[in-house]
Amino acid sequence: MLSEDEKEAIKLLEDIKNNSWTTKYIMSSDSKNADILLNLITKQQKENEDLLREKEENKFIIAMANNEMLGYNQGYLDAKNQNSNATEIVMKNRQAYMHKEEVEFYKRKIDFLQKENEEKDKQIDLMTEIFYKRFKAELLLEYGFENEEQLKQYFVELVEKE
């Protein structure tokens, strides 16, 4: 993060660079120096941001390593209490964790697929409704009926004849 003085200096350099009346009084080499300084400042800011991001990533890695160590320590203590192998206990704990993660993954996948199926069901219902209305309209036109009731009556009579 930049201090207020640094921000003011950058603003002044940008003003010098951008103001045409100022550049008349400043030698071209000073203007080039201002550009170089601005480029150096932006480069330094990017490096600082990268370093901060790397620092956060390192903190995360350290936390993961600490958790892993706690897992091995817990495995050692469990093994000591059960008179068995610490590595075996750690592996069992790790497998249980992996199974739990796998179950969670498939639960999320099932939820996603169920939502996707609901959307497809809605689309199918809509398409069926559109097809039914279109078919009904074609039948009305084909048989020359004025309304749906006449069409129903016609088909009821056909079924009764058979």
N, C-alpha and C. Protein backbone atom coordinates (compact mmCIF):
# COMPACT_ATOMS: atom_id res chain seq x y z
N MET A 1 0.83 -1.18 0.00
CA MET A 1 0.00 0.00 0.00
C MET A 1 0.88 1.25 0.00
N LEU A 2 0.41 2.24 -0.70
CA LEU A 2 1.18 3.48 -0.82
C LEU A 2 0.78 4.45 0.28
N SER A 3 1.75 5.23 0.75
CA SER A 3 1.45 6.27 1.72
C SER A 3 0.87 7.47 0.98
N GLU A 4 0.35 8.41 1.75
CA GLU A 4 -0.23 9.61 1.14
C GLU A 4 0.82 10.41 0.37
N ASP A 5 2.03 10.48 0.91
CA ASP A 5 3.10 11.21 0.22
C ASP A 5 3.43 10.55 -1.12
N GLU A 6 3.47 9.23 -1.12
CA GLU A 6 3.76 8.52 -2.37
C GLU A 6 2.65 8.73 -3.39
N LYS A 7 1.41 8.73 -2.91
CA LYS A 7 0.28 8.96 -3.82
C LYS A 7 0.34 10.37 -4.42
N GLU A 8 0.68 11.35 -3.58
CA GLU A 8 0.79 12.73 -4.08
C GLU A 8 1.93 12.85 -5.09
N ALA A 9 3.05 12.16 -4.83
CA ALA A 9 4.18 12.21 -5.75
C ALA A 9 3.79 11.60 -7.10
N ILE A 10 3.07 10.50 -7.06
CA ILE A 10 2.62 9.87 -8.31
C ILE A 10 1.68 10.80 -9.05
N LYS A 11 0.77 11.44 -8.32
CA LYS A 11 -0.18 12.37 -8.95
C LYS A 11 0.58 13.53 -9.59
N LEU A 12 1.57 14.03 -8.88
CA LEU A 12 2.37 15.14 -9.42
C LEU A 12 3.11 14.70 -10.69
N LEU A 13 3.70 13.51 -10.66
CA LEU A 13 4.39 13.01 -11.85
C LEU A 13 3.43 12.82 -13.01
N GLU A 14 2.23 12.32 -12.73
CA GLU A 14 1.25 12.15 -13.81
C GLU A 14 0.81 13.49 -14.35
N ASP A 15 0.66 14.49 -13.46
CA ASP A 15 0.29 15.83 -13.92
C ASP A 15 1.38 16.41 -14.81
N ILE A 16 2.63 16.22 -14.38
CA ILE A 16 3.75 16.72 -15.19
C ILE A 16 3.75 16.05 -16.55
N LYS A 17 3.52 14.76 -16.56
CA LYS A 17 3.52 14.00 -17.80
C LYS A 17 2.37 14.42 -18.72
N ASN A 18 1.19 14.68 -18.14
CA ASN A 18 -0.02 14.91 -18.93
C ASN A 18 -0.31 16.37 -19.26
N ASN A 19 0.19 17.31 -18.47
CA ASN A 19 -0.12 18.73 -18.72
C ASN A 19 0.79 19.32 -19.79
N SER A 20 0.18 19.85 -20.80
CA SER A 20 0.99 20.40 -21.89
C SER A 20 1.68 21.70 -21.48
N TRP A 21 1.05 22.56 -20.67
CA TRP A 21 1.69 23.82 -20.28
C TRP A 21 2.88 23.57 -19.37
N THR A 22 2.79 22.47 -18.55
CA THR A 22 3.90 22.16 -17.66
C THR A 22 5.08 21.61 -18.44
N THR A 23 4.78 20.79 -19.42
CA THR A 23 5.87 20.17 -20.17
C THR A 23 6.66 21.19 -20.99
N LYS A 24 6.04 22.37 -21.26
CA LYS A 24 6.79 23.42 -21.97
C LYS A 24 7.97 23.89 -21.14
N TYR A 25 7.80 23.89 -19.80
CA TYR A 25 8.83 24.39 -18.91
C TYR A 25 9.76 23.31 -18.38
N ILE A 26 9.42 22.09 -18.69
CA ILE A 26 10.26 20.99 -18.21
C ILE A 26 10.99 20.42 -19.40
N MET A 27 12.24 20.14 -19.20
CA MET A 27 13.02 19.59 -20.30
C MET A 27 12.50 18.20 -20.65
N SER A 28 12.70 17.79 -21.86
CA SER A 28 12.20 16.51 -22.32
C SER A 28 12.83 15.36 -21.52
N SER A 29 14.05 15.51 -21.09
CA SER A 29 14.69 14.45 -20.30
C SER A 29 13.97 14.28 -18.96
N ASP A 30 13.49 15.40 -18.36
CA ASP A 30 12.73 15.30 -17.11
C ASP A 30 11.42 14.57 -17.34
N SER A 31 10.81 14.83 -18.48
CA SER A 31 9.56 14.14 -18.80
C SER A 31 9.81 12.64 -18.97
N LYS A 32 10.92 12.31 -19.62
CA LYS A 32 11.27 10.89 -19.77
C LYS A 32 11.55 10.27 -18.41
N ASN A 33 12.22 11.02 -17.56
CA ASN A 33 12.49 10.52 -16.21
C ASN A 33 11.19 10.29 -15.43
N ALA A 34 10.21 11.18 -15.64
CA ALA A 34 8.91 11.01 -14.98
C ALA A 34 8.25 9.72 -15.46
N ASP A 35 8.32 9.45 -16.76
CA ASP A 35 7.76 8.20 -17.31
C ASP A 35 8.46 6.99 -16.71
N ILE A 36 9.77 7.07 -16.63
CA ILE A 36 10.54 5.96 -16.07
C ILE A 36 10.16 5.73 -14.61
N LEU A 37 10.02 6.82 -13.85
CA LEU A 37 9.64 6.70 -12.44
C LEU A 37 8.25 6.09 -12.29
N LEU A 38 7.33 6.55 -13.13
CA LEU A 38 5.97 5.99 -13.06
C LEU A 38 5.98 4.50 -13.38
N ASN A 39 6.74 4.11 -14.39
CA ASN A 39 6.85 2.69 -14.75
C ASN A 39 7.47 1.88 -13.63
N LEU A 40 8.50 2.45 -13.00
CA LEU A 40 9.12 1.76 -11.87
C LEU A 40 8.16 1.60 -10.69
N ILE A 41 7.38 2.63 -10.45
CA ILE A 41 6.42 2.57 -9.34
C ILE A 41 5.36 1.50 -9.61
N THR A 42 4.81 1.47 -10.83
CA THR A 42 3.79 0.46 -11.15
C THR A 42 4.39 -0.94 -11.09
N LYS A 43 5.62 -1.09 -11.56
CA LYS A 43 6.29 -2.39 -11.50
C LYS A 43 6.46 -2.83 -10.04
N GLN A 44 6.86 -1.89 -9.19
CA GLN A 44 7.05 -2.19 -7.78
C GLN A 44 5.73 -2.56 -7.11
N GLN A 45 4.64 -1.87 -7.49
CA GLN A 45 3.33 -2.20 -6.93
C GLN A 45 2.93 -3.63 -7.31
N LYS A 46 3.16 -4.02 -8.57
CA LYS A 46 2.82 -5.37 -9.01
C LYS A 46 3.64 -6.41 -8.24
N GLU A 47 4.93 -6.12 -8.05
CA GLU A 47 5.78 -7.04 -7.29
C GLU A 47 5.29 -7.18 -5.85
N ASN A 48 4.88 -6.06 -5.24
CA ASN A 48 4.36 -6.10 -3.87
C ASN A 48 3.09 -6.93 -3.80
N GLU A 49 2.19 -6.76 -4.78
CA GLU A 49 0.96 -7.55 -4.81
C GLU A 49 1.27 -9.03 -4.95
N ASP A 50 2.24 -9.36 -5.82
CA ASP A 50 2.64 -10.76 -6.00
C ASP A 50 3.20 -11.33 -4.70
N LEU A 51 4.02 -10.54 -4.02
CA LEU A 51 4.60 -11.00 -2.76
C LEU A 51 3.52 -11.21 -1.69
N LEU A 52 2.53 -10.33 -1.64
CA LEU A 52 1.44 -10.49 -0.68
C LEU A 52 0.63 -11.76 -0.99
N ARG A 53 0.37 -12.00 -2.27
CA ARG A 53 -0.37 -13.19 -2.68
C ARG A 53 0.43 -14.46 -2.31
N GLU A 54 1.74 -14.41 -2.56
CA GLU A 54 2.61 -15.54 -2.23
C GLU A 54 2.64 -15.77 -0.72
N LYS A 55 2.64 -14.69 0.05
CA LYS A 55 2.63 -14.80 1.50
C LYS A 55 1.37 -15.50 1.98
N GLU A 56 0.22 -15.14 1.41
CA GLU A 56 -1.04 -15.77 1.78
C GLU A 56 -1.03 -17.26 1.41
N GLU A 57 -0.50 -17.57 0.24
CA GLU A 57 -0.41 -18.97 -0.19
C GLU A 57 0.49 -19.76 0.77
N ASN A 58 1.59 -19.15 1.19
CA ASN A 58 2.50 -19.81 2.13
C ASN A 58 1.82 -20.06 3.47
N LYS A 59 1.02 -19.09 3.93
CA LYS A 59 0.29 -19.29 5.18
C LYS A 59 -0.65 -20.48 5.06
N PHE A 60 -1.31 -20.59 3.91
CA PHE A 60 -2.23 -21.70 3.67
C PHE A 60 -1.48 -23.03 3.68
N ILE A 61 -0.33 -23.07 3.02
CA ILE A 61 0.47 -24.30 2.96
C ILE A 61 0.95 -24.69 4.36
N ILE A 62 1.37 -23.71 5.13
CA ILE A 62 1.81 -23.98 6.50
C ILE A 62 0.65 -24.53 7.34
N ALA A 63 -0.53 -23.95 7.19
CA ALA A 63 -1.69 -24.44 7.92
C ALA A 63 -2.01 -25.88 7.53
N MET A 64 -1.91 -26.18 6.23
CA MET A 64 -2.16 -27.56 5.78
C MET A 64 -1.12 -28.52 6.37
N ALA A 65 0.13 -28.09 6.39
CA ALA A 65 1.19 -28.93 6.95
C ALA A 65 0.96 -29.16 8.44
N ASN A 66 0.53 -28.12 9.15
CA ASN A 66 0.23 -28.28 10.57
C ASN A 66 -0.91 -29.27 10.79
N ASN A 67 -1.95 -29.16 9.94
CA ASN A 67 -3.07 -30.11 10.05
C ASN A 67 -2.61 -31.53 9.78
N GLU A 68 -1.73 -31.68 8.78
CA GLU A 68 -1.20 -33.01 8.46
C GLU A 68 -0.41 -33.56 9.66
N MET A 69 0.37 -32.70 10.28
CA MET A 69 1.15 -33.12 11.45
C MET A 69 0.22 -33.53 12.59
N LEU A 70 -0.85 -32.75 12.79
CA LEU A 70 -1.81 -33.09 13.83
C LEU A 70 -2.43 -34.46 13.54
N GLY A 71 -2.69 -34.73 12.26
CA GLY A 71 -3.24 -36.03 11.88
C GLY A 71 -2.29 -37.15 12.23
N TYR A 72 -1.00 -36.99 11.95
CA TYR A 72 -0.02 -38.02 12.29
C TYR A 72 0.13 -38.16 13.80
N ASN A 73 0.10 -37.03 14.50
CA ASN A 73 0.18 -37.10 15.97
C ASN A 73 -1.02 -37.83 16.54
N GLN A 74 -2.21 -37.54 15.99
CA GLN A 74 -3.42 -38.20 16.46
C GLN A 74 -3.35 -39.70 16.16
N GLY A 75 -2.82 -40.04 14.98
CA GLY A 75 -2.64 -41.45 14.63
C GLY A 75 -1.69 -42.14 15.58
N TYR A 76 -0.64 -41.45 15.95
CA TYR A 76 0.33 -42.02 16.90
C TYR A 76 -0.34 -42.26 18.26
N LEU A 77 -1.10 -41.25 18.72
CA LEU A 77 -1.77 -41.40 20.02
C LEU A 77 -2.82 -42.51 19.97
N ASP A 78 -3.60 -42.57 18.89
CA ASP A 78 -4.60 -43.63 18.75
C ASP A 78 -3.93 -45.00 18.74
N ALA A 79 -2.83 -45.10 18.00
CA ALA A 79 -2.12 -46.37 17.92
C ALA A 79 -1.55 -46.77 19.28
N LYS A 80 -1.06 -45.78 20.00
CA LYS A 80 -0.49 -46.05 21.33
C LYS A 80 -1.58 -46.58 22.26
N ASN A 81 -2.78 -45.96 22.18
CA ASN A 81 -3.88 -46.39 23.05
C ASN A 81 -4.43 -47.76 22.64
N GLN A 82 -4.36 -48.08 21.35
CA GLN A 82 -4.94 -49.34 20.86
C GLN A 82 -3.88 -50.43 20.67
N ASN A 83 -2.65 -50.10 20.99
CA ASN A 83 -1.54 -51.05 20.81
C ASN A 83 -1.46 -51.54 19.37
N SER A 84 -1.51 -50.61 18.43
CA SER A 84 -1.39 -50.99 17.01
C SER A 84 -0.44 -50.02 16.31
N ASN A 85 -0.35 -50.11 15.01
CA ASN A 85 0.59 -49.35 14.21
C ASN A 85 0.04 -47.94 13.93
N ALA A 86 0.85 -46.90 14.15
CA ALA A 86 0.42 -45.52 13.92
C ALA A 86 0.12 -45.26 12.45
N THR A 87 0.94 -45.83 11.58
CA THR A 87 0.74 -45.63 10.14
C THR A 87 -0.60 -46.21 9.71
N GLU A 88 -0.94 -47.37 10.26
CA GLU A 88 -2.21 -48.02 9.94
C GLU A 88 -3.39 -47.14 10.37
N ILE A 89 -3.31 -46.57 11.54
CA ILE A 89 -4.37 -45.69 12.05
C ILE A 89 -4.49 -44.45 11.16
N VAL A 90 -3.35 -43.85 10.81
CA VAL A 90 -3.36 -42.65 9.96
C VAL A 90 -4.00 -42.98 8.61
N MET A 91 -3.65 -44.13 8.05
CA MET A 91 -4.20 -44.53 6.75
C MET A 91 -5.71 -44.74 6.85
N LYS A 92 -6.16 -45.35 7.94
CA LYS A 92 -7.61 -45.54 8.13
C LYS A 92 -8.31 -44.20 8.23
N ASN A 93 -7.73 -43.28 9.00
CA ASN A 93 -8.32 -41.94 9.13
C ASN A 93 -8.35 -41.23 7.78
N ARG A 94 -7.28 -41.36 7.02
CA ARG A 94 -7.21 -40.72 5.71
C ARG A 94 -8.25 -41.32 4.76
N GLN A 95 -8.39 -42.66 4.81
CA GLN A 95 -9.39 -43.31 3.95
C GLN A 95 -10.80 -42.87 4.33
N ALA A 96 -11.05 -42.75 5.62
CA ALA A 96 -12.37 -42.30 6.07
C ALA A 96 -12.64 -40.89 5.57
N TYR A 97 -11.62 -40.03 5.65
CA TYR A 97 -11.77 -38.67 5.16
C TYR A 97 -12.03 -38.65 3.66
N MET A 98 -11.28 -39.48 2.92
CA MET A 98 -11.45 -39.52 1.47
C MET A 98 -12.84 -40.03 1.10
N HIS A 99 -13.34 -41.03 1.83
CA HIS A 99 -14.68 -41.54 1.58
C HIS A 99 -15.73 -40.46 1.86
N LYS A 100 -15.53 -39.73 2.94
CA LYS A 100 -16.45 -38.65 3.28
C LYS A 100 -16.48 -37.60 2.18
N GLU A 101 -15.31 -37.22 1.69
CA GLU A 101 -15.22 -36.24 0.61
C GLU A 101 -15.89 -36.77 -0.66
N GLU A 102 -15.69 -38.05 -0.94
CA GLU A 102 -16.29 -38.66 -2.13
C GLU A 102 -17.81 -38.66 -2.02
N VAL A 103 -18.33 -38.99 -0.85
CA VAL A 103 -19.78 -38.97 -0.62
C VAL A 103 -20.32 -37.56 -0.83
N GLU A 104 -19.64 -36.57 -0.29
CA GLU A 104 -20.07 -35.18 -0.46
C GLU A 104 -20.07 -34.79 -1.94
N PHE A 105 -19.04 -35.22 -2.66
CA PHE A 105 -18.95 -34.92 -4.09
C PHE A 105 -20.15 -35.49 -4.83
N TYR A 106 -20.46 -36.75 -4.55
CA TYR A 106 -21.58 -37.38 -5.26
C TYR A 106 -22.92 -36.80 -4.83
N LYS A 107 -23.04 -36.37 -3.57
CA LYS A 107 -24.28 -35.71 -3.13
C LYS A 107 -24.49 -34.42 -3.93
N ARG A 108 -23.40 -33.64 -4.09
CA ARG A 108 -23.51 -32.39 -4.87
C ARG A 108 -23.86 -32.71 -6.32
N LYS A 109 -23.25 -33.77 -6.86
CA LYS A 109 -23.52 -34.15 -8.25
C LYS A 109 -24.97 -34.60 -8.40
N ILE A 110 -25.48 -35.37 -7.45
CA ILE A 110 -26.88 -35.82 -7.49
C ILE A 110 -27.82 -34.62 -7.43
N ASP A 111 -27.53 -33.68 -6.53
CA ASP A 111 -28.36 -32.47 -6.44
C ASP A 111 -28.38 -31.72 -7.76
N PHE A 112 -27.21 -31.58 -8.36
CA PHE A 112 -27.12 -30.89 -9.65
C PHE A 112 -27.93 -31.60 -10.71
N LEU A 113 -27.79 -32.93 -10.78
CA LEU A 113 -28.53 -33.70 -11.78
C LEU A 113 -30.03 -33.67 -11.54
N GLN A 114 -30.45 -33.67 -10.26
CA GLN A 114 -31.88 -33.57 -9.96
C GLN A 114 -32.44 -32.23 -10.42
N LYS A 115 -31.69 -31.16 -10.18
CA LYS A 115 -32.14 -29.84 -10.65
C LYS A 115 -32.20 -29.80 -12.17
N GLU A 116 -31.19 -30.40 -12.80
CA GLU A 116 -31.16 -30.45 -14.25
C GLU A 116 -32.36 -31.26 -14.78
N ASN A 117 -32.70 -32.37 -14.12
CA ASN A 117 -33.86 -33.17 -14.52
C ASN A 117 -35.16 -32.40 -14.35
N GLU A 118 -35.27 -31.64 -13.26
CA GLU A 118 -36.46 -30.82 -13.06
C GLU A 118 -36.63 -29.82 -14.19
N GLU A 119 -35.53 -29.19 -14.60
CA GLU A 119 -35.60 -28.23 -15.70
C GLU A 119 -36.01 -28.94 -16.99
N LYS A 120 -35.45 -30.11 -17.23
CA LYS A 120 -35.80 -30.86 -18.44
C LYS A 120 -37.25 -31.32 -18.39
N ASP A 121 -37.73 -31.71 -17.21
CA ASP A 121 -39.14 -32.08 -17.07
C ASP A 121 -40.05 -30.90 -17.41
N LYS A 122 -39.68 -29.72 -16.94
CA LYS A 122 -40.46 -28.52 -17.26
C LYS A 122 -40.47 -28.29 -18.77
N GLN A 123 -39.31 -28.45 -19.40
CA GLN A 123 -39.23 -28.26 -20.85
C GLN A 123 -40.08 -29.29 -21.58
N ILE A 124 -40.02 -30.54 -21.12
CA ILE A 124 -40.82 -31.59 -21.75
C ILE A 124 -42.31 -31.30 -21.58
N ASP A 125 -42.71 -30.88 -20.38
CA ASP A 125 -44.12 -30.54 -20.15
C ASP A 125 -44.56 -29.40 -21.07
N LEU A 126 -43.72 -28.41 -21.21
CA LEU A 126 -44.04 -27.28 -22.08
C LEU A 126 -44.14 -27.73 -23.54
N MET A 127 -43.19 -28.55 -23.97
CA MET A 127 -43.22 -29.04 -25.34
C MET A 127 -44.44 -29.92 -25.58
N THR A 128 -44.81 -30.74 -24.60
CA THR A 128 -46.00 -31.59 -24.72
C THR A 128 -47.25 -30.74 -24.83
N GLU A 129 -47.33 -29.71 -24.01
CA GLU A 129 -48.48 -28.81 -24.05
C GLU A 129 -48.58 -28.11 -25.41
N ILE A 130 -47.45 -27.65 -25.90
CA ILE A 130 -47.45 -26.98 -27.21
C ILE A 130 -47.86 -27.97 -28.31
N PHE A 131 -47.31 -29.19 -28.25
CA PHE A 131 -47.65 -30.21 -29.24
C PHE A 131 -49.14 -30.53 -29.17
N TYR A 132 -49.68 -30.69 -27.96
CA TYR A 132 -51.09 -31.01 -27.80
C TYR A 132 -51.97 -29.90 -28.37
N LYS A 133 -51.65 -28.66 -28.06
CA LYS A 133 -52.45 -27.53 -28.57
C LYS A 133 -52.38 -27.47 -30.09
N ARG A 134 -51.20 -27.69 -30.62
CA ARG A 134 -51.04 -27.65 -32.07
C ARG A 134 -51.81 -28.80 -32.74
N PHE A 135 -51.73 -29.99 -32.17
CA PHE A 135 -52.43 -31.15 -32.70
C PHE A 135 -53.94 -30.92 -32.65
N LYS A 136 -54.39 -30.37 -31.51
CA LYS A 136 -55.81 -30.09 -31.35
C LYS A 136 -56.28 -29.07 -32.38
N ALA A 137 -55.48 -28.04 -32.61
CA ALA A 137 -55.83 -27.02 -33.60
C ALA A 137 -55.87 -27.62 -35.01
N GLU A 138 -54.93 -28.50 -35.31
CA GLU A 138 -54.93 -29.15 -36.62
C GLU A 138 -56.16 -30.03 -36.80
N LEU A 139 -56.55 -30.75 -35.75
CA LEU A 139 -57.75 -31.59 -35.83
C LEU A 139 -59.01 -30.74 -36.03
N LEU A 140 -59.07 -29.63 -35.28
CA LEU A 140 -60.23 -28.74 -35.45
C LEU A 140 -60.33 -28.26 -36.89
N LEU A 141 -59.19 -27.88 -37.46
CA LEU A 141 -59.19 -27.41 -38.85
C LEU A 141 -59.51 -28.54 -39.82
N GLU A 142 -58.92 -29.71 -39.58
CA GLU A 142 -59.09 -30.83 -40.51
C GLU A 142 -60.54 -31.31 -40.56
N TYR A 143 -61.19 -31.41 -39.40
CA TYR A 143 -62.55 -31.91 -39.36
C TYR A 143 -63.59 -30.79 -39.46
N GLY A 144 -63.13 -29.55 -39.44
CA GLY A 144 -64.03 -28.42 -39.62
C GLY A 144 -64.88 -28.09 -38.41
N PHE A 145 -64.44 -28.47 -37.22
CA PHE A 145 -65.19 -28.15 -36.01
C PHE A 145 -64.85 -26.74 -35.56
N GLU A 146 -65.82 -26.12 -34.86
CA GLU A 146 -65.62 -24.75 -34.41
C GLU A 146 -65.03 -24.67 -33.01
N ASN A 147 -65.23 -25.72 -32.21
CA ASN A 147 -64.69 -25.69 -30.85
C ASN A 147 -64.26 -27.08 -30.42
N GLU A 148 -63.65 -27.14 -29.28
CA GLU A 148 -63.08 -28.38 -28.75
C GLU A 148 -64.18 -29.36 -28.35
N GLU A 149 -65.29 -28.85 -27.87
CA GLU A 149 -66.41 -29.70 -27.44
C GLU A 149 -66.94 -30.53 -28.59
N GLN A 150 -67.06 -29.95 -29.78
CA GLN A 150 -67.53 -30.70 -30.95
C GLN A 150 -66.53 -31.80 -31.31
N LEU A 151 -65.24 -31.50 -31.20
CA LEU A 151 -64.20 -32.49 -31.48
C LEU A 151 -64.29 -33.66 -30.50
N LYS A 152 -64.46 -33.36 -29.21
CA LYS A 152 -64.59 -34.41 -28.20
C LYS A 152 -65.80 -35.29 -28.49
N GLN A 153 -66.91 -34.65 -28.81
CA GLN A 153 -68.14 -35.39 -29.10
C GLN A 153 -67.94 -36.33 -30.29
N TYR A 154 -67.22 -35.86 -31.31
CA TYR A 154 -66.97 -36.66 -32.51
C TYR A 154 -66.19 -37.93 -32.15
N PHE A 155 -65.15 -37.78 -31.32
CA PHE A 155 -64.33 -38.93 -30.95
C PHE A 155 -65.07 -39.87 -29.99
N VAL A 156 -65.93 -39.33 -29.14
CA VAL A 156 -66.74 -40.17 -28.25
C VAL A 156 -67.66 -41.05 -29.09
N GLU A 157 -68.25 -40.47 -30.11
CA GLU A 157 -69.14 -41.23 -31.00
C GLU A 157 -68.36 -42.31 -31.75
N LEU A 158 -67.15 -42.01 -32.17
CA LEU A 158 -66.32 -43.01 -32.85
C LEU A 158 -66.01 -44.19 -31.95
N VAL A 159 -65.69 -43.91 -30.70
CA VAL A 159 -65.36 -44.97 -29.74
C VAL A 159 -66.60 -45.81 -29.45
N GLU A 160 -67.77 -45.18 -29.34
CA GLU A 160 -69.00 -45.90 -29.04
C GLU A 160 -69.40 -46.83 -30.18
N LYS A 161 -69.12 -46.46 -31.42
CA LYS A 161 -69.44 -47.26 -32.58
C LYS A 161 -68.64 -48.56 -32.59
N GLU A 162 -67.43 -48.52 -32.10
CA GLU A 162 -66.56 -49.69 -32.10
C GLU A 162 -66.89 -50.53 -30.95
